[in-house]
Structure formats: structure tokens, C-alpha cells
Amino acid sequence: MDPDRILIAGGGIGGLASALALAQKGIASLVLEKAARLGEIGAGIQLGPNAFHCFDRLGVGEAARGMAVYVDSLRLMDAIADGEITHIDLGDKFRARFGNPYAVVHRGDLHGVLLKACQDHPLITLRTHAQVDGYDQDDKGVAAKLGNGEAVRGRALVGADGLWSHVRRQVVGDIAPRISGHTTYRSVIPLEQMPEDLRWNAATLWAGPKCHIVHYPLSGWKVFNLVVTYHNHAPEPVAGQPVPVEEVRKGFTHVCERAQNIIRHGKDWHMWVLCDRDPVDAWVDGRVALLGDAAHPMMQYMAQGACMAMEDAVCLADSLSQHDSLEAGLASYKARRVLRTARVQLMSRAMGDHVYHPDGPHAALRNDLMRAKSQDQWLDTLQWLYGGNGLD
């Protein structure tokens, strides 16, 4: 047992990225994952240039670029009027401005790239069937308390154990996550079943009153990822529950025929009720720090959940390597990350209200404001988010 290793609760994207970032700085880690196997559920996710900045810092830049689908634009459609509101060109000018592309990937493929890199690195140990329920700490180290009663010791503990984090419960002491009332349904459509007139090389959003539809190609253009969301005031959290297509369609009867037709082609639908939390700055307790959804769970509307977790990981390792004491390193990590992630959390909520789901004059105002922006103005708007990796 290495008493100087960093313990990481959670083997998702944030946890594996943390292990890789630490390894790049010569720091050993042990990843503790509660599941029987390391893997990811879900389908597609979007990756902005800031994600690719992080891939390079994690040592997986080439592998990550090889699995991605590079879309030509971010396209905003009016789900009532059936027309384009605006788009953001993701071509050469975008890449030159931000130094990296915008892409979409299958969540499992991204996790697989990070997992293989962890498995191949001598400083990283992976352990499954190891749920972290809490921790004890003293001036010499921290002990992660596992569900089987075992205590695993290390120099520090990173809580990367997601929305329902047990580590966060002890660090922050807060209540359950905020239930947004937005229900998301996910499906994957084989390319040949996607309507031909919608096979765009774009991350496309159809925005309608209290609902929206997102689709984009995945896995080398073999399938289209389909995510539809309905603000139905769902009262309880749900994750990955199978539902019939009839339940999905009932939230979209008011949108245009072309948008409804996308939903008809979806199969094997699964449902999530979206949750997030208000920003907090209580990320650190002695030798314990939070990361990713355990620190700042956010709505999906800026497509930044995985990106922010990877930024956290890179920043954590960078901060620890720059300071002689663990405490100073963790304090620096928190100071560098809290405001940036809080901005994304709150802007993600606001985008749901003002971009994705408005109605009537509210929607008309959205359309006018967004149509008025030039491509250069869109790039200026996105500079704060995509122009770096959150470390500068």
C-alpha cells in the first residue's frame, strides 16, 4: 500500500481524468468504483474545444481525436415554425480562434479512451466493487470508508462520485439535488432510419415551448444520437428508466411535423429527470476535495458536464504539483475552479429558460437577438468558455 497515493471515489469520466492528470504529474492514485465493472451509460455527448485542451494535458489527445465526429455547425431550429433561427460555424475560423475543434462522441467511447490510458499507466490502480460511503482523516492522511466495512488509506481523497456523491454529503452536508422538472428521453437511431432531410453534419437543437429536440451523428456516422426534453414538472428523480415511444411523443404534439417525425423513428427510449444543485464553495474539507458532478452538477444545456469535470481534473493535478503542502494545493484548486463552474451551472439553467424552452414574445425575442449576431460575435461570446482550459 502506497501511503502517498491519492484516493479517487468514482470511476466515471471525472474520476479517470483525475487519475490521468495526477499521473502526468508523477502522482500515484487508486480509483475506487462502486460498480462491478468500469463503464459508462448513456449515448452521445458534445465536446467543446476546452475538452480537447484537456485531452492533450491528460496524454490522450490523439486517441480522443480519433474517436470523434467533427460536426460543421451548431444549428438552432424553431420547432414551431420549422425554420433555422441561427447557426454557429465550427469550421476553420472557429478552430483557429480556439485552437481546437468542436466534436460529438459516444460517452462509452470517451470513457473507454480514458480507461485504457489508466490501465496502461503504472501509477494508476483501478478497483471495482468499492463504494466509498464516507471518510475519516487526520494529520497523516485520509481513510476512505467502503461499503463492506474496509478502510482504504491514502494521502488525500477526491470525491468524483457524481450527483449523489457520498463524499459530498460529508464535505458539504447539504440536502438532495434540485429536481428541475425537466424530463429527458434518449434514443439512438441507425443512420438509415434517420429522415434523409435531417441527416445534417451538425449538432442540431429544435427549440419549442417547454420542450426541445437535439440530434447529431455518432460513431463514424453509423447512428444518430437523439435527446428530447420536455418540461413536464416531474416531481421525482429518475435515471435510465425504459419508456414507450407513446410517452415520449405526448410532450411534443405541439411542435412541427418534421420535428415530431424525428421522435417517431426513435426506439428503446430511456428516461432521466434532470437534477442539478446551486453553486457552493465548500469543495474542500482538509484532505478531501470534490470534483465534477460531486462538486457542481449542472443542467445539460451548455453541454459542459464532462468538459468541466476534465477541467477540474487537470486543474487539481496542476495545483497539487505547484504547492509544497497538500492543503495549499487543494485551496488553490478550489479558488481556480469555483467561479468558472458556478458560471456554467447558472448559465445552463438560464439557457433552458431563455434559449431552449421559451414561448410567445419570449421566443420571438430570442429569435431576434440570436439572428442579429454575426459569426464573429458568436466567437466573441464563446471566448470565455472555449478559449482555454480553465487554468489561465
Protein backbone atom coordinates (compact mmCIF):
# COMPACT_ATOMS: atom_id res chain seq x y z
CA MET A 1 0.00 0.00 0.00
CA ASP A 2 1.32 3.42 -1.01
CA PRO A 3 0.56 5.96 1.76
CA ASP A 4 1.27 8.86 -0.63
CA ARG A 5 -1.29 7.83 -3.24
CA ILE A 6 -4.40 9.89 -3.90
CA LEU A 7 -7.70 8.06 -3.46
CA ILE A 8 -10.38 8.79 -6.05
CA ALA A 9 -14.00 7.90 -5.34
CA GLY A 10 -15.70 7.19 -8.67
CA GLY A 11 -14.52 5.66 -11.93
CA GLY A 12 -16.51 7.80 -14.36
CA ILE A 13 -15.10 10.38 -16.74
CA GLY A 14 -14.11 12.78 -13.94
CA GLY A 15 -12.52 10.10 -11.78
CA LEU A 16 -10.45 8.57 -14.58
CA ALA A 17 -9.43 12.00 -15.85
CA SER A 18 -8.25 12.84 -12.32
CA ALA A 19 -6.11 9.72 -12.17
CA LEU A 20 -4.54 10.51 -15.55
CA ALA A 21 -3.93 14.16 -14.68
CA LEU A 22 -2.24 13.17 -11.43
CA ALA A 23 -0.15 10.53 -13.21
CA GLN A 24 1.07 13.17 -15.68
CA LYS A 25 2.50 14.97 -12.63
CA GLY A 26 4.07 11.79 -11.22
CA ILE A 27 1.42 11.29 -8.53
CA ALA A 28 0.06 7.79 -7.86
CA SER A 29 -3.67 7.17 -7.38
CA LEU A 30 -6.19 4.47 -6.56
CA VAL A 31 -9.60 4.72 -8.24
CA LEU A 32 -12.44 3.22 -6.17
CA GLU A 33 -15.54 2.43 -8.27
CA LYS A 34 -18.71 1.03 -6.70
CA ALA A 35 -19.88 -0.86 -9.82
CA ALA A 36 -18.79 -4.36 -10.76
CA ARG A 37 -17.14 -3.05 -13.92
CA LEU A 38 -15.82 0.25 -15.15
CA GLY A 39 -18.08 1.69 -17.84
CA GLU A 40 -20.48 4.48 -18.77
CA ILE A 41 -24.20 4.54 -19.52
CA GLY A 42 -25.79 6.97 -21.93
CA ALA A 43 -25.05 7.73 -25.55
CA GLY A 44 -23.69 10.90 -27.14
CA ILE A 45 -22.05 13.91 -25.56
CA GLN A 46 -20.75 17.11 -27.09
CA LEU A 47 -17.17 18.26 -26.56
CA GLY A 48 -16.12 21.87 -26.95
CA PRO A 49 -12.54 22.98 -27.63
CA ASN A 50 -11.91 23.18 -23.89
CA ALA A 51 -12.36 19.41 -23.70
CA PHE A 52 -9.64 18.91 -26.32
CA HIS A 53 -7.34 21.26 -24.42
CA CYS A 54 -7.78 18.86 -21.50
CA PHE A 55 -7.26 15.71 -23.58
CA ASP A 56 -3.81 16.97 -24.50
CA ARG A 57 -2.97 17.63 -20.85
CA LEU A 58 -4.18 14.13 -19.96
CA GLY A 59 -2.00 12.47 -22.60
CA VAL A 60 -4.92 11.13 -24.65
CA GLY A 61 -5.22 13.81 -27.31
CA GLU A 62 -4.55 11.58 -30.30
CA ALA A 63 -6.88 8.79 -29.13
CA ALA A 64 -9.67 11.25 -28.30
CA ARG A 65 -9.45 12.95 -31.68
CA GLY A 66 -9.58 9.59 -33.43
CA MET A 67 -12.97 8.60 -31.97
CA ALA A 68 -14.79 11.92 -32.51
CA VAL A 69 -17.26 13.05 -35.17
CA TYR A 70 -16.49 16.63 -36.17
CA VAL A 71 -19.72 18.49 -36.87
CA ASP A 72 -19.82 21.51 -39.18
CA SER A 73 -22.11 23.70 -37.10
CA LEU A 74 -24.24 24.20 -34.04
CA ARG A 75 -27.70 24.70 -35.52
CA LEU A 76 -30.70 26.25 -33.72
CA MET A 77 -34.10 25.46 -35.25
CA ASP A 78 -37.57 26.79 -34.44
CA ALA A 79 -39.63 23.72 -33.54
CA ILE A 80 -42.90 25.58 -34.16
CA ALA A 81 -42.17 27.47 -37.37
CA ASP A 82 -39.85 24.75 -38.80
CA GLY A 83 -37.01 27.02 -39.82
CA GLU A 84 -33.47 27.89 -38.81
CA ILE A 85 -33.07 30.62 -36.22
CA THR A 86 -29.27 30.77 -36.38
CA HIS A 87 -26.16 28.64 -36.52
CA ILE A 88 -22.54 28.80 -35.38
CA ASP A 89 -19.99 27.75 -37.98
CA LEU A 90 -17.46 25.32 -36.45
CA GLY A 91 -15.04 25.36 -39.38
CA ASP A 92 -11.56 26.79 -39.84
CA LYS A 93 -12.23 30.18 -38.26
CA PHE A 94 -13.69 28.58 -35.13
CA ARG A 95 -10.76 26.17 -34.81
CA ALA A 96 -8.20 28.92 -35.38
CA ARG A 97 -9.83 31.12 -32.73
CA PHE A 98 -9.99 28.43 -30.02
CA GLY A 99 -7.10 26.18 -31.01
CA ASN A 100 -9.19 23.02 -31.13
CA PRO A 101 -12.35 21.62 -32.76
CA TYR A 102 -15.90 21.01 -31.59
CA ALA A 103 -16.98 17.37 -31.76
CA VAL A 104 -19.50 14.79 -30.64
CA VAL A 105 -18.64 11.36 -29.25
CA HIS A 106 -20.28 8.34 -27.71
CA ARG A 107 -19.93 8.59 -23.94
CA GLY A 108 -18.80 4.98 -23.76
CA ASP A 109 -16.08 5.60 -26.36
CA LEU A 110 -14.74 8.57 -24.39
CA HIS A 111 -14.76 6.61 -21.17
CA GLY A 112 -13.01 3.75 -22.97
CA VAL A 113 -10.16 6.01 -24.11
CA LEU A 114 -9.64 7.28 -20.55
CA LEU A 115 -9.94 3.77 -19.10
CA LYS A 116 -7.34 2.26 -21.43
CA ALA A 117 -4.91 5.06 -20.63
CA CYS A 118 -5.44 4.43 -16.91
CA GLN A 119 -5.00 0.68 -17.30
CA ASP A 120 -1.73 1.24 -19.15
CA HIS A 121 -0.24 3.65 -16.60
CA PRO A 122 1.90 2.22 -13.78
CA LEU A 123 0.93 4.97 -11.33
CA ILE A 124 -2.82 4.21 -11.55
CA THR A 125 -4.62 1.37 -9.78
CA LEU A 126 -8.27 0.62 -10.53
CA ARG A 127 -10.58 -1.19 -8.14
CA THR A 128 -14.24 -2.14 -8.61
CA HIS A 129 -16.87 -3.29 -6.07
CA ALA A 130 -15.57 -0.45 -3.89
CA GLN A 131 -18.26 2.05 -2.92
CA VAL A 132 -16.96 4.94 -0.81
CA ASP A 133 -19.54 5.71 1.88
CA GLY A 134 -17.53 8.31 3.80
CA TYR A 135 -14.11 9.08 5.20
CA ASP A 136 -12.02 9.73 8.28
CA GLN A 137 -8.90 11.87 8.27
CA ASP A 138 -6.03 13.02 10.48
CA ASP A 139 -2.79 14.94 10.01
CA LYS A 140 -1.16 11.93 8.33
CA GLY A 141 -3.75 11.00 5.75
CA VAL A 142 -7.32 10.02 4.97
CA ALA A 143 -9.19 6.73 5.17
CA ALA A 144 -11.96 6.08 2.68
CA LYS A 145 -14.68 4.01 4.33
CA LEU A 146 -16.03 1.40 1.94
CA GLY A 147 -19.46 -0.19 1.96
CA ASN A 148 -18.00 -3.54 3.05
CA GLY A 149 -16.50 -2.00 6.18
CA GLU A 150 -12.96 -1.76 4.85
CA ALA A 151 -10.90 1.40 5.31
CA VAL A 152 -8.53 2.32 2.47
CA ARG A 153 -5.82 4.85 3.31
CA GLY A 154 -4.12 7.48 1.20
CA ARG A 155 -2.71 11.00 1.32
CA ALA A 156 -5.93 12.63 0.08
CA LEU A 157 -9.38 11.74 -1.24
CA VAL A 158 -11.04 13.13 -4.37
CA GLY A 159 -14.82 12.80 -4.42
CA ALA A 160 -15.66 12.21 -8.10
CA ASP A 161 -18.68 10.07 -7.26
CA GLY A 162 -21.33 12.01 -9.14
CA LEU A 163 -24.64 13.71 -8.48
CA TRP A 164 -25.50 11.57 -5.45
CA SER A 165 -21.98 11.73 -4.03
CA HIS A 166 -21.44 10.17 -0.61
CA VAL A 167 -18.23 12.17 -0.26
CA ARG A 168 -20.08 15.43 -0.90
CA ARG A 169 -22.64 14.54 1.75
CA GLN A 170 -19.84 14.64 4.33
CA VAL A 171 -17.92 17.59 2.87
CA VAL A 172 -20.89 19.89 2.29
CA GLY A 173 -23.62 18.36 4.43
CA ASP A 174 -26.33 19.53 2.04
CA ILE A 175 -29.66 18.04 1.06
CA ALA A 176 -30.68 16.14 -2.07
CA PRO A 177 -30.16 17.70 -5.53
CA ARG A 178 -32.65 20.16 -7.01
CA ILE A 179 -35.19 18.43 -9.26
CA SER A 180 -35.56 20.61 -12.33
CA GLY A 181 -38.91 19.27 -13.54
CA HIS A 182 -37.33 18.67 -16.97
CA THR A 183 -37.56 15.09 -18.26
CA THR A 184 -35.10 13.91 -20.90
CA TYR A 185 -35.66 10.91 -23.17
CA ARG A 186 -32.74 9.35 -25.05
CA SER A 187 -32.57 7.08 -28.07
CA VAL A 188 -30.11 6.13 -30.80
CA ILE A 189 -31.31 5.92 -34.42
CA PRO A 190 -29.44 3.90 -37.08
CA LEU A 191 -28.39 6.20 -39.91
CA GLU A 192 -30.71 4.56 -42.44
CA GLN A 193 -33.73 5.23 -40.18
CA MET A 194 -32.98 8.92 -39.70
CA PRO A 195 -35.14 11.03 -42.08
CA GLU A 196 -32.95 11.87 -45.07
CA ASP A 197 -33.73 15.58 -44.97
CA LEU A 198 -32.37 15.74 -41.38
CA ARG A 199 -29.08 13.89 -41.83
CA TRP A 200 -27.10 17.04 -41.13
CA ASN A 201 -23.49 17.09 -40.02
CA ALA A 202 -24.47 19.38 -37.18
CA ALA A 203 -25.36 19.35 -33.52
CA THR A 204 -28.96 20.44 -34.03
CA LEU A 205 -31.36 21.86 -31.46
CA TRP A 206 -35.08 22.23 -32.18
CA ALA A 207 -36.38 24.69 -29.58
CA GLY A 208 -40.07 24.80 -28.68
CA PRO A 209 -42.34 25.88 -25.83
CA LYS A 210 -41.33 23.86 -22.77
CA CYS A 211 -39.58 21.30 -24.96
CA HIS A 212 -36.65 20.72 -27.26
CA ILE A 213 -35.09 18.06 -29.51
CA VAL A 214 -31.37 17.53 -30.08
CA HIS A 215 -29.78 15.25 -32.69
CA TYR A 216 -26.33 14.67 -34.16
CA PRO A 217 -24.35 11.85 -35.83
CA LEU A 218 -22.25 9.44 -33.76
CA SER A 219 -19.85 6.50 -34.11
CA GLY A 220 -18.48 7.32 -37.54
CA TRP A 221 -21.92 8.27 -38.88
CA LYS A 222 -23.37 4.84 -38.12
CA VAL A 223 -26.10 6.25 -35.85
CA PHE A 224 -27.77 9.49 -34.79
CA ASN A 225 -27.99 10.41 -31.14
CA LEU A 226 -31.44 11.69 -30.20
CA VAL A 227 -32.20 13.54 -26.98
CA VAL A 228 -35.62 15.11 -26.40
CA THR A 229 -36.60 17.06 -23.30
CA TYR A 230 -39.99 18.10 -22.01
CA HIS A 231 -40.57 20.49 -19.10
CA ASN A 232 -43.34 18.44 -17.50
CA HIS A 233 -42.68 19.38 -13.84
CA ALA A 234 -41.61 15.81 -12.98
CA PRO A 235 -41.51 15.61 -9.17
CA GLU A 236 -39.08 12.73 -8.57
CA PRO A 237 -35.57 11.90 -9.83
CA VAL A 238 -35.38 9.07 -12.37
CA ALA A 239 -32.32 7.71 -14.20
CA GLY A 240 -32.34 5.40 -17.20
CA GLN A 241 -35.92 4.11 -16.92
CA PRO A 242 -37.26 2.46 -20.12
CA VAL A 243 -40.37 4.16 -21.52
CA PRO A 244 -42.60 3.56 -24.58
CA VAL A 245 -42.44 5.94 -27.52
CA GLU A 246 -46.05 6.97 -26.83
CA GLU A 247 -44.97 8.55 -23.56
CA VAL A 248 -42.18 10.43 -25.30
CA ARG A 249 -44.42 11.74 -28.09
CA LYS A 250 -47.08 13.19 -25.80
CA GLY A 251 -44.83 16.08 -24.80
CA PHE A 252 -44.25 17.11 -28.42
CA THR A 253 -47.67 17.14 -30.08
CA HIS A 254 -47.49 20.93 -30.44
CA VAL A 255 -44.25 21.08 -32.47
CA CYS A 256 -43.93 20.99 -36.26
CA GLU A 257 -44.40 17.77 -38.22
CA ARG A 258 -40.74 17.46 -39.17
CA ALA A 259 -39.65 17.64 -35.53
CA GLN A 260 -42.29 15.12 -34.49
CA ASN A 261 -41.12 12.78 -37.23
CA ILE A 262 -37.69 12.55 -35.64
CA ILE A 263 -39.22 11.18 -32.44
CA ARG A 264 -41.27 8.58 -34.32
CA HIS A 265 -38.05 6.97 -35.54
CA GLY A 266 -36.59 6.56 -32.06
CA LYS A 267 -36.62 3.15 -30.35
CA ASP A 268 -35.65 1.76 -26.95
CA TRP A 269 -36.26 5.08 -25.23
CA HIS A 270 -34.91 5.67 -21.71
CA MET A 271 -35.90 8.50 -19.37
CA TRP A 272 -33.98 10.76 -16.99
CA VAL A 273 -35.40 13.52 -14.79
CA LEU A 274 -32.74 16.22 -14.77
CA CYS A 275 -31.28 17.44 -11.48
CA ASP A 276 -28.63 19.95 -10.51
CA ARG A 277 -27.52 21.93 -7.45
CA ASP A 278 -26.90 25.54 -6.58
CA PRO A 279 -23.22 26.56 -6.70
CA VAL A 280 -21.30 26.21 -3.43
CA ASP A 281 -17.72 26.97 -2.45
CA ALA A 282 -17.41 24.22 0.18
CA TRP A 283 -15.41 21.94 -2.10
CA VAL A 284 -12.63 21.06 0.34
CA ASP A 285 -12.55 19.51 3.80
CA GLY A 286 -8.97 19.09 4.98
CA ARG A 287 -7.51 16.38 2.77
CA VAL A 288 -10.73 15.80 0.83
CA ALA A 289 -11.85 17.63 -2.34
CA LEU A 290 -14.86 17.36 -4.65
CA LEU A 291 -14.72 17.18 -8.45
CA GLY A 292 -17.13 17.04 -11.39
CA ASP A 293 -20.80 16.40 -10.66
CA ALA A 294 -20.00 15.84 -6.99
CA ALA A 295 -18.88 19.49 -6.83
CA HIS A 296 -21.04 21.25 -9.44
CA PRO A 297 -23.81 19.18 -11.05
CA MET A 298 -25.36 21.15 -13.89
CA MET A 299 -28.15 21.03 -16.43
CA GLN A 300 -27.23 19.69 -19.87
CA TYR A 301 -27.99 22.87 -21.80
CA MET A 302 -24.40 24.07 -22.28
CA ALA A 303 -23.06 20.56 -22.99
CA GLN A 304 -20.32 21.13 -20.42
CA GLY A 305 -20.72 18.45 -17.73
CA ALA A 306 -17.92 16.17 -18.93
CA CYS A 307 -15.82 19.14 -20.07
CA MET A 308 -15.95 20.79 -16.63
CA ALA A 309 -15.06 17.51 -14.91
CA MET A 310 -11.97 17.13 -17.09
CA GLU A 311 -11.01 20.76 -16.48
CA ASP A 312 -11.33 20.07 -12.75
CA ALA A 313 -9.03 17.08 -13.08
CA VAL A 314 -6.35 18.99 -14.95
CA CYS A 315 -6.55 21.90 -12.52
CA LEU A 316 -6.41 19.64 -9.45
CA ALA A 317 -3.21 17.95 -10.59
CA ASP A 318 -1.70 21.26 -11.67
CA SER A 319 -2.49 22.88 -8.31
CA LEU A 320 -1.09 19.98 -6.27
CA SER A 321 2.12 19.99 -8.29
CA GLN A 322 2.64 23.73 -7.75
CA HIS A 323 2.43 23.72 -3.95
CA ASP A 324 4.57 22.08 -1.29
CA SER A 325 1.64 21.32 1.01
CA LEU A 326 -1.47 19.33 0.18
CA GLU A 327 -3.66 21.88 1.92
CA ALA A 328 -2.30 24.77 -0.17
CA GLY A 329 -2.72 22.74 -3.35
CA LEU A 330 -6.36 21.91 -2.61
CA ALA A 331 -7.08 25.52 -1.64
CA SER A 332 -5.61 26.69 -4.95
CA TYR A 333 -7.68 24.13 -6.87
CA LYS A 334 -10.89 25.34 -5.26
CA ALA A 335 -10.07 29.00 -5.82
CA ARG A 336 -9.36 28.43 -9.50
CA ARG A 337 -12.49 26.38 -10.21
CA VAL A 338 -15.43 27.60 -8.14
CA LEU A 339 -16.39 30.74 -10.07
CA ARG A 340 -15.90 29.24 -13.53
CA THR A 341 -18.03 26.20 -12.76
CA ALA A 342 -20.65 28.32 -10.98
CA ARG A 343 -20.95 30.44 -14.13
CA VAL A 344 -21.57 27.33 -16.22
CA GLN A 345 -24.08 25.94 -13.70
CA LEU A 346 -26.16 29.11 -13.63
CA MET A 347 -25.89 29.83 -17.35
CA SER A 348 -27.00 26.27 -18.11
CA ARG A 349 -30.19 26.87 -16.13
CA ALA A 350 -30.73 30.21 -17.83
CA MET A 351 -30.28 28.72 -21.29
CA GLY A 352 -33.06 26.25 -20.57
CA ASP A 353 -35.41 29.13 -19.77
CA HIS A 354 -34.34 31.66 -22.40
CA VAL A 355 -32.98 29.64 -25.35
CA TYR A 356 -34.37 26.11 -25.24
CA HIS A 357 -37.93 26.44 -23.90
CA PRO A 358 -39.44 29.96 -24.28
CA ASP A 359 -42.85 30.65 -25.83
CA GLY A 360 -44.65 33.59 -27.43
CA PRO A 361 -42.94 37.00 -27.24
CA HIS A 362 -40.15 35.44 -25.16
CA ALA A 363 -39.34 33.08 -28.05
CA ALA A 364 -39.68 35.88 -30.62
CA LEU A 365 -37.19 37.97 -28.65
CA ARG A 366 -34.79 35.02 -28.54
CA ASN A 367 -35.04 34.67 -32.30
CA ASP A 368 -34.39 38.34 -32.98
CA LEU A 369 -31.43 38.58 -30.62
CA MET A 370 -29.77 35.42 -31.87
CA ARG A 371 -30.32 36.17 -35.55
CA ALA A 372 -28.68 39.57 -35.07
CA LYS A 373 -25.34 38.06 -34.07
CA SER A 374 -22.63 37.73 -36.70
CA GLN A 375 -20.29 34.72 -36.73
CA ASP A 376 -17.51 36.88 -35.27
CA GLN A 377 -19.84 38.00 -32.47
CA TRP A 378 -20.66 34.37 -31.67
CA LEU A 379 -16.96 33.61 -31.36
CA ASP A 380 -16.53 36.60 -29.05
CA THR A 381 -19.46 35.35 -26.95
CA LEU A 382 -17.86 31.93 -26.57
CA GLN A 383 -14.33 33.13 -25.84
CA TRP A 384 -14.63 32.85 -22.06
CA LEU A 385 -15.69 29.20 -22.30
CA TYR A 386 -13.70 27.75 -25.19
CA GLY A 387 -10.63 29.97 -25.18
CA GLY A 388 -8.75 27.96 -22.56
CA ASN A 389 -8.94 25.04 -20.20
CA GLY A 390 -9.89 26.99 -17.11
CA LEU A 391 -6.31 27.22 -15.83
CA ASP A 392 -5.29 30.55 -17.35
